[in-house]
Each structure stands twice: as structure tokens, then as C-alpha cells.
Amino acid sequence: MNHDNPNEPAPSLSRRSFTTALLCAAGLTIPFVANAAAIDDAVFQLQRDWEVVQYQTPANEREKQFEALAAKAHQVSETYPASSEPLVWEGIIVSSWAGAKGGLGALGLVKQAKALYEKAIQIDGNVLDGSAYNSLGVLYYKVPGWPIGFGDKAKAAELLQKALSINPNGIDPNYFYADYLVESKQGDKALPFLERALQAPARPGRQIADTGRREEARQLLAKVKGK
């Protein structure tokens, strides 16, 4: 959702495979299992493409790359309208596009991302280890408040803490809660969350994102310690 934001944890493919085996054992239809596998594949490709743009593409090329990827993500969301995973990743990609675009022109995009996260939460708030809550929380502290935008530090804290309760050891919820604390002039409280982010277990298939997020955590930690 590294929303990653941007940012967000990958679904556990091993857990999905285990669940699929149980469904088969229970006699559920093969089309249902195939559909679940297709969603996994589509989401995995979106997150891989996002990682490449976010961490391996020159900054001046990211806006156009994210714009193209957002169109691809929207197609996936429309193909699987009852699934929350594609909505989270479409939101992460649209949020990243807004970040690359910058300025007041990005407000329409962040409002679009907000709606995507909210829709994902309505379907399954725990999806992707709480990534929808985490990514939505990031928007609430990054976006300006009224009358320009919908930013709300108190709402951000509520959402980020919800994400932490779902995934207490995850790299993204710990990093972004620390970042929120720093931006809220509470940098002295950020240290344990940054340390936890740096000690977070590796996510299968997310090496690029994990490497990039750890570097961001190190930079933020240096900033906090330098004050």
C-alpha cells in the first residue's frame, strides 16, 4: 500500500497457497481457486512495478511512470471489484503519483487515493496486514488540512496506530508512524519505531522495497539523533 506509501507489505503467497489447498480439500470450485491465484499474480506484478518506479527510476521520470502504472492498477481493480488487495495497490500507486507530481495539482489524486483506501477497508480492513489503514493514515498527515485539503493529524494517528496493532513488527507501519511523530514535532518518541522498522523481518519477494524503506528509516533515524 510503501502506502510506500508510499507503501505496503506484500500478501503472503505461502499463506495464500495454504488457504488454496484447504479450499480444494473442502471441495470448493477450481474457478474460485484460479481466481484467487490470478488476483495474487496481478497484485504481485503491481507491487513489483511500483518498487521499480519508486526506488530505481530517476525522480524526473517517476510522474509519467506512475501515471501509466495507475491506469494498469485501475484495470486490475475493475477486473476484481470484490477484492480489496488491488484497491490498496491502486491507492498506493495513485498516492505515489501525487507525490511525484507535487503541488496543488496533486490534491485530486490524493482524494482519489483516499477513496480507494476507504473502499478497501470496507471490504476487508485487515487486508495486506493493515496496509489500507497505514496508507490512509499517511495521507491524513501528509495532506494539508482545511481549507486546502483533508489533512488531520489526530485522524492520522488513529489510523497509523490501527495499522500497528494489526502488524506490530512490520517495516512500513513502524517507519510511517515514526515519520508521523517526527512531522508532528514528537521526534523523541520516534526512535523505538525506527529501530523496530530496521529490525523488521524481510518480506518474501519485496527485496527492492525492503532495501529502499530501510534506507529511508536510517536517514530518518540520523535526522532524529542529530537534533
Protein backbone atom coordinates (compact mmCIF):
# COMPACT_ATOMS: atom_id res chain seq x y z
CA MET A 1 0.00 0.00 0.00
CA ASN A 2 5.02 1.73 0.98
CA HIS A 3 1.44 3.19 1.27
CA ASP A 4 5.10 3.04 0.12
CA ASN A 5 3.14 4.56 0.74
CA PRO A 6 4.17 5.04 -0.17
CA ASN A 7 3.85 1.88 0.59
CA GLU A 8 2.87 -1.60 1.64
CA PRO A 9 3.52 -5.22 2.74
CA ALA A 10 3.18 -7.97 0.17
CA PRO A 11 0.50 -10.62 0.62
CA SER A 12 1.88 -13.86 1.96
CA LEU A 13 1.98 -16.18 -1.00
CA SER A 14 2.72 -19.16 1.20
CA ARG A 15 -0.33 -18.39 3.32
CA ARG A 16 -2.43 -17.99 0.18
CA SER A 17 -1.16 -21.32 -1.13
CA PHE A 18 -2.08 -22.98 2.17
CA THR A 19 -5.53 -21.43 2.05
CA THR A 20 -5.97 -22.57 -1.54
CA ALA A 21 -5.11 -26.14 -0.53
CA LEU A 22 -7.74 -26.02 2.19
CA LEU A 23 -10.34 -24.74 -0.25
CA CYS A 24 -9.58 -27.56 -2.63
CA ALA A 25 -9.79 -30.08 0.20
CA ALA A 26 -13.18 -28.65 1.13
CA GLY A 27 -14.42 -29.31 -2.40
CA LEU A 28 -14.76 -25.68 -3.48
CA THR A 29 -14.67 -24.98 -7.19
CA ILE A 30 -11.48 -24.75 -9.19
CA PRO A 31 -12.59 -21.45 -10.84
CA PHE A 32 -12.67 -19.81 -7.38
CA VAL A 33 -9.14 -21.04 -6.62
CA ALA A 34 -7.92 -19.95 -10.04
CA ASN A 35 -9.45 -16.51 -9.49
CA ALA A 36 -7.62 -16.14 -6.16
CA ALA A 37 -4.35 -17.10 -7.83
CA ALA A 38 -4.98 -14.60 -10.63
CA ILE A 39 -5.53 -11.81 -8.09
CA ASP A 40 -2.29 -12.74 -6.32
CA ASP A 41 -0.38 -12.66 -9.61
CA ALA A 42 -1.86 -9.30 -10.64
CA VAL A 43 -1.17 -7.71 -7.25
CA PHE A 44 2.37 -9.09 -7.16
CA GLN A 45 3.09 -7.55 -10.55
CA LEU A 46 1.69 -4.17 -9.45
CA GLN A 47 3.85 -4.11 -6.34
CA ARG A 48 6.95 -5.14 -8.31
CA ASP A 49 6.33 -2.38 -10.87
CA TRP A 50 5.75 0.14 -8.07
CA GLU A 51 9.05 -0.79 -6.39
CA VAL A 52 10.99 -0.32 -9.61
CA VAL A 53 9.48 3.12 -10.23
CA GLN A 54 9.75 4.24 -6.60
CA TYR A 55 13.29 3.09 -5.90
CA GLN A 56 15.05 2.51 -9.21
CA THR A 57 13.68 5.18 -11.54
CA PRO A 58 15.12 8.72 -11.78
CA ALA A 59 12.94 11.25 -9.93
CA ASN A 60 12.20 13.27 -13.05
CA GLU A 61 10.70 10.21 -14.77
CA ARG A 62 8.50 8.95 -11.93
CA GLU A 63 5.41 11.07 -12.58
CA LYS A 64 4.81 9.65 -16.06
CA GLN A 65 5.72 6.12 -14.93
CA PHE A 66 3.27 6.27 -12.01
CA GLU A 67 0.57 7.69 -14.25
CA ALA A 68 0.90 4.72 -16.61
CA LEU A 69 1.04 2.26 -13.72
CA ALA A 70 -2.08 3.82 -12.14
CA ALA A 71 -4.02 3.06 -15.33
CA LYS A 72 -2.84 -0.55 -15.17
CA ALA A 73 -3.77 -0.80 -11.48
CA HIS A 74 -7.25 0.57 -12.20
CA GLN A 75 -7.81 -2.17 -14.77
CA VAL A 76 -6.91 -4.77 -12.14
CA SER A 77 -9.28 -3.19 -9.59
CA GLU A 78 -12.10 -3.18 -12.13
CA THR A 79 -11.41 -6.80 -13.06
CA TYR A 80 -11.66 -7.91 -9.40
CA PRO A 81 -14.15 -5.42 -7.85
CA ALA A 82 -14.85 -7.59 -4.80
CA SER A 83 -11.19 -7.85 -3.84
CA SER A 84 -9.52 -5.34 -1.52
CA GLU A 85 -5.88 -6.05 -2.48
CA PRO A 86 -5.99 -4.37 -5.92
CA LEU A 87 -7.73 -1.34 -4.41
CA VAL A 88 -4.94 -0.90 -1.86
CA TRP A 89 -2.27 -1.11 -4.53
CA GLU A 90 -4.13 1.23 -6.84
CA GLY A 91 -4.27 3.65 -3.92
CA ILE A 92 -0.55 3.29 -3.21
CA ILE A 93 0.30 3.90 -6.86
CA VAL A 94 -2.03 6.91 -7.16
CA SER A 95 -0.60 8.32 -3.90
CA SER A 96 2.93 7.89 -5.26
CA TRP A 97 1.88 9.57 -8.50
CA ALA A 98 0.59 12.50 -6.42
CA GLY A 99 3.90 12.67 -4.57
CA ALA A 100 5.84 12.71 -7.81
CA LYS A 101 3.55 15.36 -9.28
CA GLY A 102 3.57 17.62 -6.23
CA GLY A 103 1.84 20.94 -5.68
CA LEU A 104 -1.87 21.74 -5.59
CA GLY A 105 -2.32 19.78 -8.80
CA ALA A 106 -1.82 16.59 -6.80
CA LEU A 107 -4.81 17.18 -4.49
CA GLY A 108 -7.23 15.49 -6.87
CA LEU A 109 -5.01 12.41 -6.91
CA VAL A 110 -4.73 12.16 -3.13
CA LYS A 111 -8.51 12.43 -2.82
CA GLN A 112 -8.78 9.60 -5.34
CA ALA A 113 -6.30 7.51 -3.33
CA LYS A 114 -8.24 8.25 -0.11
CA ALA A 115 -11.43 6.90 -1.68
CA LEU A 116 -9.62 3.74 -2.84
CA TYR A 117 -8.25 3.02 0.65
CA GLU A 118 -11.65 3.62 2.23
CA LYS A 119 -13.28 1.23 -0.23
CA ALA A 120 -10.63 -1.41 0.52
CA ILE A 121 -11.25 -1.05 4.26
CA GLN A 122 -14.99 -1.51 3.72
CA ILE A 123 -14.26 -4.84 2.03
CA ASP A 124 -11.52 -6.03 4.42
CA GLY A 125 -9.71 -3.64 6.75
CA ASN A 126 -7.09 -6.24 7.67
CA VAL A 127 -6.05 -6.79 4.05
CA LEU A 128 -2.30 -6.89 3.39
CA ASP A 129 -1.52 -6.72 7.11
CA GLY A 130 -3.37 -3.45 7.63
CA SER A 131 -1.81 -1.63 4.69
CA ALA A 132 -5.03 0.24 3.86
CA TYR A 133 -5.15 1.78 7.35
CA ASN A 134 -1.44 2.61 7.18
CA SER A 135 -1.59 4.20 3.74
CA LEU A 136 -4.72 6.18 4.57
CA GLY A 137 -3.07 7.40 7.76
CA VAL A 138 -0.09 8.63 5.76
CA LEU A 139 -2.39 10.73 3.59
CA TYR A 140 -4.00 12.30 6.64
CA TYR A 141 -0.69 13.64 7.96
CA LYS A 142 0.92 14.44 4.62
CA VAL A 143 -2.00 16.30 3.02
CA PRO A 144 -2.68 19.91 4.12
CA GLY A 145 -5.66 20.48 6.39
CA TRP A 146 -8.78 22.54 5.78
CA PRO A 147 -9.47 24.64 3.73
CA ILE A 148 -6.92 23.28 1.24
CA GLY A 149 -7.19 19.55 1.88
CA PHE A 150 -8.49 16.92 4.29
CA GLY A 151 -5.35 16.55 6.41
CA ASP A 152 -5.95 15.72 10.08
CA LYS A 153 -3.11 14.77 12.45
CA ALA A 154 -5.44 13.19 15.03
CA LYS A 155 -7.11 11.03 12.38
CA ALA A 156 -3.68 10.08 11.04
CA ALA A 157 -2.55 8.88 14.47
CA GLU A 158 -5.70 6.78 14.88
CA LEU A 159 -5.23 5.06 11.51
CA LEU A 160 -1.48 4.53 11.88
CA GLN A 161 -1.94 3.03 15.35
CA LYS A 162 -4.62 0.73 13.94
CA ALA A 163 -2.15 -0.47 11.31
CA LEU A 164 0.47 -1.06 14.00
CA SER A 165 -1.99 -3.11 16.04
CA ILE A 166 -2.50 -5.39 13.02
CA ASN A 167 1.18 -5.61 12.02
CA PRO A 168 3.27 -4.52 15.05
CA ASN A 169 6.61 -5.74 13.67
CA GLY A 170 6.17 -4.63 10.06
CA ILE A 171 8.66 -2.29 8.44
CA ASP A 172 6.09 0.04 6.89
CA PRO A 173 3.76 0.70 9.87
CA ASN A 174 6.73 1.32 12.16
CA TYR A 175 8.52 3.58 9.68
CA PHE A 176 5.46 5.68 8.88
CA TYR A 177 4.38 6.03 12.50
CA ALA A 178 7.90 7.28 13.25
CA ASP A 179 7.70 9.67 10.31
CA TYR A 180 4.34 10.92 11.58
CA LEU A 181 5.85 11.54 15.03
CA VAL A 182 8.75 13.49 13.51
CA GLU A 183 6.42 15.63 11.39
CA SER A 184 4.24 16.20 14.47
CA LYS A 185 7.24 17.56 16.43
CA GLN A 186 7.44 14.40 18.56
CA GLY A 187 10.74 13.12 17.23
CA ASP A 188 11.87 11.96 20.67
CA LYS A 189 9.14 9.30 20.56
CA ALA A 190 10.12 8.05 17.10
CA LEU A 191 13.30 6.14 17.99
CA PRO A 192 11.79 2.80 19.07
CA PHE A 193 9.61 2.66 15.98
CA LEU A 194 12.55 3.36 13.68
CA GLU A 195 14.61 0.69 15.43
CA ARG A 196 11.74 -1.76 15.03
CA ALA A 197 11.46 -0.86 11.33
CA LEU A 198 15.16 -1.57 10.84
CA GLN A 199 14.81 -4.92 12.60
CA ALA A 200 11.65 -5.94 10.72
CA PRO A 201 11.69 -9.36 9.06
CA ALA A 202 12.31 -9.45 5.32
CA ARG A 203 9.20 -9.77 3.14
CA PRO A 204 9.34 -12.52 0.50
CA GLY A 205 9.61 -11.03 -2.96
CA ARG A 206 9.95 -7.48 -1.61
CA GLN A 207 13.72 -7.07 -1.59
CA ILE A 208 13.69 -3.79 -3.53
CA ALA A 209 11.05 -2.22 -1.28
CA ASP A 210 12.68 -3.50 1.91
CA THR A 211 16.08 -2.11 0.90
CA GLY A 212 14.60 1.25 -0.01
CA ARG A 213 12.48 1.54 3.13
CA ARG A 214 15.39 0.59 5.40
CA GLU A 215 17.49 3.33 3.85
CA GLU A 216 14.67 5.82 4.46
CA ALA A 217 14.46 4.62 8.07
CA ARG A 218 18.22 5.07 8.51
CA GLN A 219 18.06 8.60 7.14
CA LEU A 220 15.16 9.49 9.43
CA LEU A 221 16.95 7.94 12.40
CA ALA A 222 20.04 10.05 11.66
CA LYS A 223 17.84 13.14 11.45
CA VAL A 224 16.20 12.38 14.80
CA LYS A 225 19.51 11.66 16.53
CA GLY A 226 21.05 14.77 15.04
CA LYS A 227 18.56 17.07 16.72
